[in-house]
Each structure stands twice: as structure tokens, then as C-alpha cells.
Amino acid sequence: MESLTETITEQKRSRKKNPALAAFLLGAIAGAAAMFCAGFLYLRHNLIVSYEFPGLTADDFDDAFENAMPADSGWKSSREACSLPLPSDGRALYNWKLCNRTHARGLMDDPDHGLVLPALIPCTVSVTNGPDGNAVVSRLNTSLLGVIYGGNARRVLRSGIAPEQEALISMLADGIRKEKAQRKETEP
């Protein structure tokens, strides 16, 4: 009987003598929680990319997406019907789909993610007027999505879609500015 009592007492002492294990577990839990919160905040801040274009309006971009998409770029644009109501302050809001069949095929043929990536193909571009009246163009951060998915999706999203969409939006903005400048010159 005495040996059983000694064994139980020894086990209790050994549990009390191992605070390092408890500290390790507590640190691991706190680290995991901090990592989750930091990742959540990072995604919340970086998942959508927005560009503001001073001197241009959402209506300017709407016309450009409809009429000035370069035919040789491989990109097609179409206005996206949206069932969301317009902003209550009366700002214009346009949603456009910018799609490139070559890039889309590259995502759908991805052996690792080909079944889920077609649902995530980041085509939609939103155009609205900011509080100061300037056009704000927003889209998914395709580079970040490429990092998250990796593999072939990383190559297509980061090296193909992201830079080409940025270039198209910049090209449209430059074209709009030139057209507005020409109109000013010809007006009396």
C-alpha cells in the first residue's frame, strides 16, 4: 500500500515539476491564434486591389470598357448584370467582366486545382466614383490568389492575369485622358 501511495505522490510531483511543457503548449496556442488573426487582417486588407484615377469618372471607364478594348489583347469585356442596388448616395457603379480564354484554360487545366479554380477566375472589375468624384477601379488581387493556390495557378495568376489586367486598366485610363484632352482642344 505504501508503494502505491508513493507512486501516486511521485506522479503528482512530476506533473508539477514540468511547467516547461505547459508554457510550451500555451505559447503554441497563443502563436497559432496570433498567426490566424494576422493572416485574416492581411487578407482583409490585400484581397481587393483598388486604383483611383483623378480627373476620370466611372462613366468614362464604362464607355472605355465597352468601346475601347483592344482586339489583339485576347481579352474580352462584357458588362456584368448585378442585382445589387446602387449606392444610396447615387454614385455610378459598373461591374465588368474581363476574361481571357487562354488564361482561363491554363487555370482549368491545372492538375491540382482545375476543379475549383474556374469558380474563382478573377474576371470582375468594379468601377465607381469615390467620395471626391474620381473613378475608382477595383478587382481581386490575382497575384495574392496565385500565391495562395501555388502551382500552375501561381504562374497564370501572377505572371499572366495580374500584369495584363493592370496594363489594360492603365491603357484605358490613358486613352480616356487623351480623348478628354482632344475634346478640350477642339471645344471653343
N, C-alpha and C. Protein backbone atom coordinates (compact mmCIF):
# COMPACT_ATOMS: atom_id res chain seq x y z
N MET A 1 0.81 -1.19 0.00
CA MET A 1 0.00 0.00 0.00
C MET A 1 0.86 1.26 0.00
N GLU A 2 1.92 1.14 0.73
CA GLU A 2 2.82 2.27 0.82
C GLU A 2 3.44 2.62 -0.53
N SER A 3 3.77 1.62 -1.31
CA SER A 3 4.40 1.86 -2.61
C SER A 3 3.41 2.51 -3.59
N LEU A 4 2.14 2.16 -3.48
CA LEU A 4 1.13 2.76 -4.33
C LEU A 4 0.98 4.24 -4.00
N THR A 5 0.95 4.59 -2.75
CA THR A 5 0.85 5.98 -2.32
C THR A 5 2.08 6.76 -2.76
N GLU A 6 3.25 6.16 -2.64
CA GLU A 6 4.48 6.82 -3.07
C GLU A 6 4.47 7.06 -4.59
N THR A 7 3.97 6.09 -5.32
CA THR A 7 3.92 6.22 -6.79
C THR A 7 2.99 7.35 -7.19
N ILE A 8 1.82 7.43 -6.55
CA ILE A 8 0.86 8.49 -6.86
C ILE A 8 1.44 9.85 -6.51
N THR A 9 2.09 9.94 -5.38
CA THR A 9 2.71 11.19 -4.95
C THR A 9 3.81 11.60 -5.91
N GLU A 10 4.60 10.64 -6.34
CA GLU A 10 5.67 10.92 -7.30
C GLU A 10 5.12 11.43 -8.62
N GLN A 11 4.01 10.83 -9.06
CA GLN A 11 3.40 11.26 -10.32
C GLN A 11 2.88 12.70 -10.20
N LYS A 12 2.30 13.02 -9.06
CA LYS A 12 1.81 14.39 -8.85
C LYS A 12 2.96 15.37 -8.85
N ARG A 13 4.09 15.00 -8.22
CA ARG A 13 5.26 15.89 -8.18
C ARG A 13 5.83 16.08 -9.59
N SER A 14 5.86 15.01 -10.37
CA SER A 14 6.44 15.11 -11.70
C SER A 14 5.59 16.01 -12.60
N ARG A 15 4.29 16.00 -12.40
CA ARG A 15 3.42 16.89 -13.17
C ARG A 15 3.66 18.34 -12.77
N LYS A 16 3.86 18.56 -11.49
CA LYS A 16 4.10 19.92 -11.01
C LYS A 16 5.48 20.42 -11.42
N LYS A 17 6.43 19.52 -11.62
CA LYS A 17 7.78 19.91 -11.95
C LYS A 17 7.97 20.19 -13.44
N ASN A 18 6.96 20.03 -14.25
CA ASN A 18 7.11 20.21 -15.68
C ASN A 18 6.33 21.43 -16.20
N PRO A 19 6.66 22.62 -15.68
CA PRO A 19 5.97 23.82 -16.17
C PRO A 19 6.41 24.18 -17.59
N ALA A 20 7.54 23.67 -18.02
CA ALA A 20 8.01 23.98 -19.37
C ALA A 20 7.04 23.44 -20.41
N LEU A 21 6.50 22.27 -20.19
CA LEU A 21 5.53 21.69 -21.12
C LEU A 21 4.27 22.56 -21.19
N ALA A 22 3.80 23.00 -20.05
CA ALA A 22 2.60 23.85 -20.02
C ALA A 22 2.88 25.18 -20.72
N ALA A 23 4.05 25.75 -20.49
CA ALA A 23 4.41 27.02 -21.14
C ALA A 23 4.52 26.83 -22.65
N PHE A 24 5.10 25.70 -23.07
CA PHE A 24 5.21 25.42 -24.50
C PHE A 24 3.83 25.32 -25.15
N LEU A 25 2.94 24.57 -24.53
CA LEU A 25 1.60 24.42 -25.08
C LEU A 25 0.85 25.75 -25.12
N LEU A 26 0.98 26.53 -24.06
CA LEU A 26 0.34 27.84 -24.02
C LEU A 26 0.91 28.76 -25.11
N GLY A 27 2.22 28.73 -25.28
CA GLY A 27 2.86 29.54 -26.33
C GLY A 27 2.44 29.11 -27.72
N ALA A 28 2.33 27.80 -27.93
CA ALA A 28 1.91 27.30 -29.24
C ALA A 28 0.48 27.74 -29.57
N ILE A 29 -0.39 27.69 -28.58
CA ILE A 29 -1.78 28.12 -28.79
C ILE A 29 -1.84 29.62 -29.06
N ALA A 30 -1.11 30.40 -28.28
CA ALA A 30 -1.09 31.86 -28.48
C ALA A 30 -0.49 32.21 -29.84
N GLY A 31 0.57 31.51 -30.24
CA GLY A 31 1.19 31.76 -31.55
C GLY A 31 0.25 31.44 -32.69
N ALA A 32 -0.45 30.32 -32.58
CA ALA A 32 -1.40 29.94 -33.63
C ALA A 32 -2.53 30.97 -33.72
N ALA A 33 -3.02 31.45 -32.59
CA ALA A 33 -4.09 32.46 -32.60
C ALA A 33 -3.59 33.76 -33.21
N ALA A 34 -2.38 34.18 -32.87
CA ALA A 34 -1.82 35.41 -33.42
C ALA A 34 -1.61 35.28 -34.93
N MET A 35 -1.13 34.12 -35.37
CA MET A 35 -0.90 33.89 -36.79
C MET A 35 -2.23 33.93 -37.56
N PHE A 36 -3.26 33.32 -37.00
CA PHE A 36 -4.57 33.33 -37.64
C PHE A 36 -5.09 34.75 -37.76
N CYS A 37 -5.01 35.52 -36.67
CA CYS A 37 -5.51 36.90 -36.69
C CYS A 37 -4.72 37.76 -37.67
N ALA A 38 -3.40 37.62 -37.70
CA ALA A 38 -2.57 38.40 -38.62
C ALA A 38 -2.89 38.02 -40.06
N GLY A 39 -3.05 36.73 -40.34
CA GLY A 39 -3.40 36.29 -41.68
C GLY A 39 -4.76 36.81 -42.12
N PHE A 40 -5.71 36.80 -41.21
CA PHE A 40 -7.05 37.30 -41.51
C PHE A 40 -6.99 38.79 -41.84
N LEU A 41 -6.27 39.57 -41.02
CA LEU A 41 -6.16 41.01 -41.26
C LEU A 41 -5.41 41.30 -42.56
N TYR A 42 -4.37 40.51 -42.85
CA TYR A 42 -3.61 40.70 -44.09
C TYR A 42 -4.52 40.47 -45.30
N LEU A 43 -5.27 39.36 -45.29
CA LEU A 43 -6.17 39.07 -46.40
C LEU A 43 -7.24 40.14 -46.54
N ARG A 44 -7.77 40.57 -45.42
CA ARG A 44 -8.83 41.58 -45.46
C ARG A 44 -8.33 42.87 -46.09
N HIS A 45 -7.08 43.21 -45.84
CA HIS A 45 -6.51 44.45 -46.35
C HIS A 45 -6.02 44.31 -47.80
N ASN A 46 -5.61 43.12 -48.22
CA ASN A 46 -4.94 42.95 -49.51
C ASN A 46 -5.69 42.13 -50.55
N LEU A 47 -6.85 41.60 -50.25
CA LEU A 47 -7.55 40.74 -51.19
C LEU A 47 -8.14 41.51 -52.37
N ILE A 48 -8.50 42.75 -52.16
CA ILE A 48 -9.03 43.61 -53.22
C ILE A 48 -8.01 44.71 -53.50
N VAL A 49 -7.74 44.94 -54.78
CA VAL A 49 -6.83 45.99 -55.21
C VAL A 49 -7.67 47.09 -55.84
N SER A 50 -7.45 48.33 -55.41
CA SER A 50 -8.20 49.47 -55.95
C SER A 50 -7.23 50.52 -56.47
N TYR A 51 -7.62 51.13 -57.59
CA TYR A 51 -6.85 52.20 -58.18
C TYR A 51 -7.76 53.41 -58.32
N GLU A 52 -7.28 54.57 -57.94
CA GLU A 52 -8.05 55.80 -58.12
C GLU A 52 -7.47 56.56 -59.29
N PHE A 53 -8.33 57.10 -60.13
CA PHE A 53 -7.91 57.83 -61.32
C PHE A 53 -8.45 59.25 -61.25
N PRO A 54 -7.64 60.20 -60.73
CA PRO A 54 -8.08 61.59 -60.64
C PRO A 54 -8.43 62.17 -62.01
N GLY A 55 -9.51 62.91 -62.05
CA GLY A 55 -9.94 63.55 -63.29
C GLY A 55 -10.80 62.67 -64.17
N LEU A 56 -10.95 61.40 -63.84
CA LEU A 56 -11.78 60.50 -64.62
C LEU A 56 -12.97 60.05 -63.78
N THR A 57 -14.06 59.67 -64.45
CA THR A 57 -15.25 59.23 -63.74
C THR A 57 -15.56 57.78 -64.10
N ALA A 58 -16.45 57.20 -63.33
CA ALA A 58 -16.88 55.82 -63.61
C ALA A 58 -17.54 55.74 -64.98
N ASP A 59 -18.27 56.79 -65.38
CA ASP A 59 -18.90 56.80 -66.70
C ASP A 59 -17.85 56.76 -67.81
N ASP A 60 -16.73 57.46 -67.61
CA ASP A 60 -15.65 57.42 -68.60
C ASP A 60 -15.15 55.99 -68.78
N PHE A 61 -14.93 55.30 -67.68
CA PHE A 61 -14.43 53.92 -67.76
C PHE A 61 -15.48 52.98 -68.35
N ASP A 62 -16.74 53.23 -68.03
CA ASP A 62 -17.80 52.38 -68.57
C ASP A 62 -17.78 52.46 -70.10
N ASP A 63 -17.66 53.66 -70.65
CA ASP A 63 -17.59 53.82 -72.11
C ASP A 63 -16.34 53.15 -72.68
N ALA A 64 -15.22 53.27 -71.98
CA ALA A 64 -13.96 52.70 -72.48
C ALA A 64 -14.02 51.18 -72.48
N PHE A 65 -14.55 50.57 -71.44
CA PHE A 65 -14.65 49.12 -71.40
C PHE A 65 -15.54 48.62 -72.54
N GLU A 66 -16.56 49.41 -72.86
CA GLU A 66 -17.50 48.99 -73.90
C GLU A 66 -16.92 49.18 -75.30
N ASN A 67 -16.18 50.27 -75.51
CA ASN A 67 -15.79 50.64 -76.86
C ASN A 67 -14.30 50.53 -77.19
N ALA A 68 -13.44 50.49 -76.21
CA ALA A 68 -12.01 50.63 -76.50
C ALA A 68 -11.17 49.42 -76.10
N MET A 69 -11.76 48.27 -75.90
CA MET A 69 -10.98 47.08 -75.54
C MET A 69 -10.17 46.66 -76.76
N PRO A 70 -8.84 46.59 -76.65
CA PRO A 70 -8.03 46.23 -77.81
C PRO A 70 -8.33 44.81 -78.29
N ALA A 71 -8.56 44.67 -79.59
CA ALA A 71 -8.94 43.37 -80.16
C ALA A 71 -7.79 42.37 -80.11
N ASP A 72 -6.58 42.84 -80.22
CA ASP A 72 -5.43 41.94 -80.28
C ASP A 72 -4.92 41.51 -78.90
N SER A 73 -5.56 41.95 -77.84
CA SER A 73 -5.08 41.63 -76.48
C SER A 73 -5.50 40.24 -76.01
N GLY A 74 -6.52 39.67 -76.63
CA GLY A 74 -7.03 38.37 -76.18
C GLY A 74 -8.05 38.52 -75.06
N TRP A 75 -8.26 39.73 -74.59
CA TRP A 75 -9.21 39.99 -73.51
C TRP A 75 -10.55 40.40 -74.11
N LYS A 76 -11.61 39.92 -73.50
CA LYS A 76 -12.98 40.30 -73.87
C LYS A 76 -13.61 40.97 -72.67
N SER A 77 -14.42 41.98 -72.96
CA SER A 77 -15.11 42.66 -71.85
C SER A 77 -16.60 42.58 -72.08
N SER A 78 -17.32 42.44 -71.00
CA SER A 78 -18.78 42.46 -71.05
C SER A 78 -19.29 43.01 -69.74
N ARG A 79 -20.37 43.78 -69.86
CA ARG A 79 -20.93 44.34 -68.63
C ARG A 79 -21.60 43.23 -67.84
N GLU A 80 -21.34 43.22 -66.59
CA GLU A 80 -21.86 42.20 -65.68
C GLU A 80 -23.16 42.72 -65.08
N ALA A 81 -24.24 42.01 -65.31
CA ALA A 81 -25.50 42.38 -64.68
C ALA A 81 -25.40 42.10 -63.19
N CYS A 82 -25.73 43.07 -62.41
CA CYS A 82 -25.59 42.92 -60.96
C CYS A 82 -26.93 43.23 -60.30
N SER A 83 -27.35 42.36 -59.43
CA SER A 83 -28.63 42.57 -58.77
C SER A 83 -28.50 43.42 -57.51
N LEU A 84 -27.29 43.86 -57.20
CA LEU A 84 -27.11 44.72 -56.04
C LEU A 84 -27.72 46.10 -56.32
N PRO A 85 -28.25 46.73 -55.30
CA PRO A 85 -28.78 48.08 -55.52
C PRO A 85 -27.63 49.07 -55.70
N LEU A 86 -27.92 50.20 -56.34
CA LEU A 86 -26.91 51.25 -56.47
C LEU A 86 -26.63 51.85 -55.09
N PRO A 87 -25.46 52.43 -54.92
CA PRO A 87 -25.18 53.08 -53.63
C PRO A 87 -26.23 54.14 -53.31
N SER A 88 -26.53 54.29 -52.04
CA SER A 88 -27.60 55.21 -51.64
C SER A 88 -27.26 56.67 -51.93
N ASP A 89 -25.98 56.99 -52.11
CA ASP A 89 -25.62 58.38 -52.41
C ASP A 89 -25.70 58.69 -53.90
N GLY A 90 -26.16 57.73 -54.71
CA GLY A 90 -26.38 57.98 -56.13
C GLY A 90 -25.15 57.81 -57.02
N ARG A 91 -24.02 57.35 -56.46
CA ARG A 91 -22.82 57.15 -57.27
C ARG A 91 -23.06 56.10 -58.34
N ALA A 92 -22.39 56.27 -59.45
CA ALA A 92 -22.45 55.26 -60.51
C ALA A 92 -21.67 54.03 -60.07
N LEU A 93 -22.13 52.87 -60.48
CA LEU A 93 -21.44 51.62 -60.17
C LEU A 93 -21.59 50.69 -61.36
N TYR A 94 -20.45 50.28 -61.91
CA TYR A 94 -20.45 49.38 -63.05
C TYR A 94 -19.58 48.17 -62.72
N ASN A 95 -20.04 47.00 -63.10
CA ASN A 95 -19.25 45.78 -62.98
C ASN A 95 -19.00 45.24 -64.37
N TRP A 96 -17.74 44.98 -64.65
CA TRP A 96 -17.33 44.46 -65.95
C TRP A 96 -16.59 43.15 -65.77
N LYS A 97 -16.80 42.25 -66.70
CA LYS A 97 -16.03 41.01 -66.73
C LYS A 97 -14.92 41.19 -67.76
N LEU A 98 -13.70 41.00 -67.32
CA LEU A 98 -12.54 40.99 -68.22
C LEU A 98 -12.05 39.56 -68.28
N CYS A 99 -12.26 38.90 -69.38
CA CYS A 99 -11.90 37.48 -69.47
C CYS A 99 -10.92 37.25 -70.61
N ASN A 100 -10.04 36.31 -70.38
CA ASN A 100 -9.06 35.90 -71.39
C ASN A 100 -9.12 34.38 -71.45
N ARG A 101 -9.56 33.83 -72.56
CA ARG A 101 -9.75 32.38 -72.69
C ARG A 101 -8.45 31.61 -72.50
N THR A 102 -7.34 32.15 -72.95
CA THR A 102 -6.06 31.45 -72.81
C THR A 102 -5.71 31.28 -71.34
N HIS A 103 -5.84 32.35 -70.58
CA HIS A 103 -5.53 32.26 -69.14
C HIS A 103 -6.54 31.37 -68.42
N ALA A 104 -7.80 31.47 -68.81
CA ALA A 104 -8.83 30.65 -68.17
C ALA A 104 -8.55 29.16 -68.41
N ARG A 105 -8.15 28.81 -69.63
CA ARG A 105 -7.83 27.41 -69.93
C ARG A 105 -6.64 26.95 -69.08
N GLY A 106 -5.65 27.82 -68.92
CA GLY A 106 -4.50 27.47 -68.08
C GLY A 106 -4.90 27.16 -66.65
N LEU A 107 -5.90 27.87 -66.15
CA LEU A 107 -6.38 27.60 -64.79
C LEU A 107 -7.22 26.33 -64.74
N MET A 108 -8.05 26.12 -65.75
CA MET A 108 -8.92 24.94 -65.74
C MET A 108 -8.14 23.64 -65.97
N ASP A 109 -7.00 23.74 -66.66
CA ASP A 109 -6.18 22.56 -66.90
C ASP A 109 -5.19 22.28 -65.77
N ASP A 110 -5.24 23.08 -64.72
CA ASP A 110 -4.33 22.87 -63.58
C ASP A 110 -4.65 21.53 -62.94
N PRO A 111 -3.67 20.61 -62.86
CA PRO A 111 -3.96 19.28 -62.31
C PRO A 111 -4.33 19.29 -60.83
N ASP A 112 -3.87 20.28 -60.10
CA ASP A 112 -4.15 20.32 -58.66
C ASP A 112 -5.44 21.03 -58.32
N HIS A 113 -5.77 22.10 -59.05
CA HIS A 113 -6.90 22.95 -58.69
C HIS A 113 -7.90 23.15 -59.81
N GLY A 114 -7.80 22.40 -60.89
CA GLY A 114 -8.65 22.60 -62.06
C GLY A 114 -10.14 22.48 -61.80
N LEU A 115 -10.51 21.81 -60.72
CA LEU A 115 -11.93 21.65 -60.42
C LEU A 115 -12.50 22.84 -59.67
N VAL A 116 -11.66 23.57 -58.93
CA VAL A 116 -12.17 24.68 -58.13
C VAL A 116 -11.85 26.05 -58.71
N LEU A 117 -10.75 26.17 -59.44
CA LEU A 117 -10.35 27.48 -59.94
C LEU A 117 -11.31 28.11 -60.94
N PRO A 118 -12.03 27.34 -61.77
CA PRO A 118 -12.98 28.02 -62.66
C PRO A 118 -14.01 28.86 -61.90
N ALA A 119 -14.36 28.47 -60.70
CA ALA A 119 -15.30 29.26 -59.91
C ALA A 119 -14.65 30.53 -59.37
N LEU A 120 -13.34 30.55 -59.36
CA LEU A 120 -12.61 31.67 -58.77
C LEU A 120 -11.91 32.52 -59.81
N ILE A 121 -12.10 32.25 -61.09
CA ILE A 121 -11.38 33.01 -62.10
C ILE A 121 -11.71 34.49 -61.90
N PRO A 122 -10.69 35.27 -61.60
CA PRO A 122 -10.90 36.66 -61.17
C PRO A 122 -11.08 37.62 -62.32
N CYS A 123 -12.26 37.64 -62.89
CA CYS A 123 -12.53 38.49 -64.05
C CYS A 123 -13.18 39.81 -63.70
N THR A 124 -13.96 39.87 -62.66
CA THR A 124 -14.81 41.03 -62.42
C THR A 124 -14.00 42.25 -61.98
N VAL A 125 -14.30 43.35 -62.63
CA VAL A 125 -13.70 44.65 -62.30
C VAL A 125 -14.86 45.58 -61.97
N SER A 126 -14.78 46.23 -60.84
CA SER A 126 -15.82 47.15 -60.41
C SER A 126 -15.33 48.58 -60.62
N VAL A 127 -16.20 49.42 -61.16
CA VAL A 127 -15.86 50.82 -61.39
C VAL A 127 -16.93 51.67 -60.73
N THR A 128 -16.48 52.59 -59.88
CA THR A 128 -17.40 53.50 -59.22
C THR A 128 -16.71 54.84 -59.03
N ASN A 129 -17.45 55.83 -58.60
CA ASN A 129 -16.87 57.12 -58.26
C ASN A 129 -16.61 57.16 -56.77
N GLY A 130 -15.42 57.60 -56.40
CA GLY A 130 -15.07 57.74 -55.00
C GLY A 130 -15.76 58.96 -54.40
N PRO A 131 -15.52 59.22 -53.12
CA PRO A 131 -16.17 60.35 -52.45
C PRO A 131 -15.84 61.70 -53.09
N ASP A 132 -14.65 61.80 -53.71
CA ASP A 132 -14.25 63.06 -54.34
C ASP A 132 -14.61 63.13 -55.82
N GLY A 133 -15.35 62.12 -56.32
CA GLY A 133 -15.80 62.11 -57.71
C GLY A 133 -14.86 61.43 -58.68
N ASN A 134 -13.67 61.03 -58.23
CA ASN A 134 -12.73 60.36 -59.12
C ASN A 134 -13.11 58.89 -59.29
N ALA A 135 -12.80 58.35 -60.46
CA ALA A 135 -13.08 56.95 -60.73
C ALA A 135 -12.21 56.06 -59.84
N VAL A 136 -12.82 55.01 -59.29
CA VAL A 136 -12.10 54.01 -58.52
C VAL A 136 -12.37 52.66 -59.18
N VAL A 137 -11.31 52.01 -59.62
CA VAL A 137 -11.41 50.71 -60.26
C VAL A 137 -10.88 49.67 -59.27
N SER A 138 -11.69 48.65 -58.99
CA SER A 138 -11.32 47.62 -58.01
C SER A 138 -11.43 46.24 -58.63
N ARG A 139 -10.53 45.35 -58.20
CA ARG A 139 -10.54 43.97 -58.68
C ARG A 139 -9.90 43.09 -57.62
N LEU A 140 -10.09 41.78 -57.77
CA LEU A 140 -9.42 40.84 -56.87
C LEU A 140 -7.92 40.93 -57.08
N ASN A 141 -7.16 40.74 -56.02
CA ASN A 141 -5.70 40.73 -56.10
C ASN A 141 -5.28 39.37 -56.64
N THR A 142 -5.17 39.28 -57.94
CA THR A 142 -4.87 37.99 -58.56
C THR A 142 -3.48 37.48 -58.21
N SER A 143 -2.54 38.39 -57.97
CA SER A 143 -1.20 37.94 -57.54
C SER A 143 -1.28 37.21 -56.21
N LEU A 144 -2.04 37.75 -55.28
CA LEU A 144 -2.21 37.11 -53.97
C LEU A 144 -2.91 35.76 -54.10
N LEU A 145 -3.93 35.69 -54.95
CA LEU A 145 -4.61 34.40 -55.17
C LEU A 145 -3.64 33.37 -55.74
N GLY A 146 -2.74 33.81 -56.61
CA GLY A 146 -1.74 32.91 -57.16
C GLY A 146 -0.82 32.36 -56.10
N VAL A 147 -0.43 33.21 -55.16
CA VAL A 147 0.43 32.76 -54.05
C VAL A 147 -0.32 31.76 -53.19
N ILE A 148 -1.58 32.02 -52.92
CA ILE A 148 -2.36 31.13 -52.06
C ILE A 148 -2.51 29.75 -52.70
N TYR A 149 -2.82 29.70 -54.00
CA TYR A 149 -3.04 28.41 -54.65
C TYR A 149 -1.76 27.74 -55.12
N GLY A 150 -0.75 28.49 -55.49
CA GLY A 150 0.52 27.90 -55.91
C GLY A 150 0.41 27.13 -57.21
N GLY A 151 1.46 26.41 -57.55
CA GLY A 151 1.48 25.58 -58.75
C GLY A 151 1.25 26.36 -60.02
N ASN A 152 0.55 25.77 -60.96
CA ASN A 152 0.26 26.40 -62.24
C ASN A 152 -0.60 27.65 -62.05
N ALA A 153 -1.47 27.64 -61.04
CA ALA A 153 -2.31 28.81 -60.77
C ALA A 153 -1.45 30.02 -60.43
N ARG A 154 -0.36 29.79 -59.72
CA ARG A 154 0.55 30.89 -59.38
C ARG A 154 1.11 31.53 -60.65
N ARG A 155 1.54 30.69 -61.57
CA ARG A 155 2.12 31.19 -62.81
C ARG A 155 1.08 31.97 -63.62
N VAL A 156 -0.10 31.40 -63.78
CA VAL A 156 -1.14 32.04 -64.60
C VAL A 156 -1.63 33.32 -63.95
N LEU A 157 -1.92 33.28 -62.67
CA LEU A 157 -2.49 34.45 -61.99
C LEU A 157 -1.47 35.56 -61.81
N ARG A 158 -0.26 35.23 -61.38
CA ARG A 158 0.75 36.25 -61.10
C ARG A 158 1.45 36.76 -62.34
N SER A 159 1.75 35.88 -63.28
CA SER A 159 2.53 36.28 -64.45
C SER A 159 1.66 36.63 -65.65
N GLY A 160 0.43 36.17 -65.66
CA GLY A 160 -0.44 36.42 -66.80
C GLY A 160 -1.54 37.42 -66.50
N ILE A 161 -2.46 37.01 -65.68
CA ILE A 161 -3.67 37.80 -65.45
C ILE A 161 -3.38 39.14 -64.76
N ALA A 162 -2.67 39.12 -63.64
CA ALA A 162 -2.46 40.35 -62.86
C ALA A 162 -1.79 41.46 -63.68
N PRO A 163 -0.63 41.20 -64.29
CA PRO A 163 0.01 42.30 -65.03
C PRO A 163 -0.78 42.74 -66.26
N GLU A 164 -1.45 41.80 -66.93
CA GLU A 164 -2.22 42.17 -68.12
C GLU A 164 -3.44 43.00 -67.75
N GLN A 165 -4.13 42.64 -66.65
CA GLN A 165 -5.28 43.45 -66.23
C GLN A 165 -4.84 44.85 -65.83
N GLU A 166 -3.73 44.95 -65.11
CA GLU A 166 -3.22 46.27 -64.72
C GLU A 166 -2.87 47.09 -65.95
N ALA A 167 -2.22 46.47 -66.93
CA ALA A 167 -1.85 47.18 -68.15
C ALA A 167 -3.09 47.62 -68.93
N LEU A 168 -4.11 46.76 -69.01
CA LEU A 168 -5.35 47.12 -69.71
C LEU A 168 -6.03 48.32 -69.04
N ILE A 169 -6.11 48.28 -67.72
CA ILE A 169 -6.77 49.37 -67.00
C ILE A 169 -5.99 50.67 -67.18
N SER A 170 -4.67 50.60 -67.10
CA SER A 170 -3.83 51.80 -67.32
C SER A 170 -3.97 52.32 -68.74
N MET A 171 -3.98 51.40 -69.72
CA MET A 171 -4.12 51.78 -71.12
C MET A 171 -5.47 52.47 -71.35
N LEU A 172 -6.52 51.92 -70.77
CA LEU A 172 -7.84 52.54 -70.91
C LEU A 172 -7.85 53.93 -70.29
N ALA A 173 -7.24 54.08 -69.10
CA ALA A 173 -7.19 55.38 -68.44
C ALA A 173 -6.42 56.39 -69.29
N ASP A 174 -5.29 55.96 -69.85
CA ASP A 174 -4.51 56.86 -70.72
C ASP A 174 -5.33 57.26 -71.95
N GLY A 175 -6.03 56.30 -72.54
CA GLY A 175 -6.87 56.60 -73.70
C GLY A 175 -7.98 57.58 -73.36
N ILE A 176 -8.58 57.41 -72.20
CA ILE A 176 -9.65 58.32 -71.78
C ILE A 176 -9.09 59.73 -71.59
N ARG A 177 -7.93 59.82 -70.94
CA ARG A 177 -7.31 61.14 -70.71
C ARG A 177 -6.99 61.83 -72.04
N LYS A 178 -6.42 61.07 -73.00
CA LYS A 178 -6.09 61.65 -74.31
C LYS A 178 -7.35 62.13 -75.02
N GLU A 179 -8.40 61.32 -74.97
CA GLU A 179 -9.66 61.69 -75.62
C GLU A 179 -10.24 62.94 -74.99
N LYS A 180 -10.19 63.04 -73.66
CA LYS A 180 -10.71 64.23 -72.98
C LYS A 180 -9.88 65.46 -73.34
N ALA A 181 -8.55 65.30 -73.44
CA ALA A 181 -7.68 66.42 -73.80
C ALA A 181 -7.97 66.88 -75.22
N GLN A 182 -8.20 65.93 -76.14
CA GLN A 182 -8.52 66.30 -77.53
C GLN A 182 -9.85 67.03 -77.61
N ARG A 183 -10.82 66.59 -76.82
CA ARG A 183 -12.12 67.27 -76.82
C ARG A 183 -11.99 68.69 -76.30
N LYS A 184 -11.14 68.89 -75.28
CA LYS A 184 -10.94 70.25 -74.73
C LYS A 184 -10.31 71.16 -75.77
N GLU A 185 -9.36 70.60 -76.55
CA GLU A 185 -8.67 71.40 -77.56
C GLU A 185 -9.60 71.82 -78.68
N THR A 186 -10.54 70.96 -79.03
CA THR A 186 -11.45 71.25 -80.14
C THR A 186 -12.66 72.08 -79.73
N GLU A 187 -12.95 72.13 -78.45
CA GLU A 187 -14.09 72.92 -77.98
C GLU A 187 -13.73 74.42 -78.03
N PRO A 188 -14.70 75.24 -78.41
CA PRO A 188 -14.44 76.69 -78.47
C PRO A 188 -14.32 77.33 -77.12
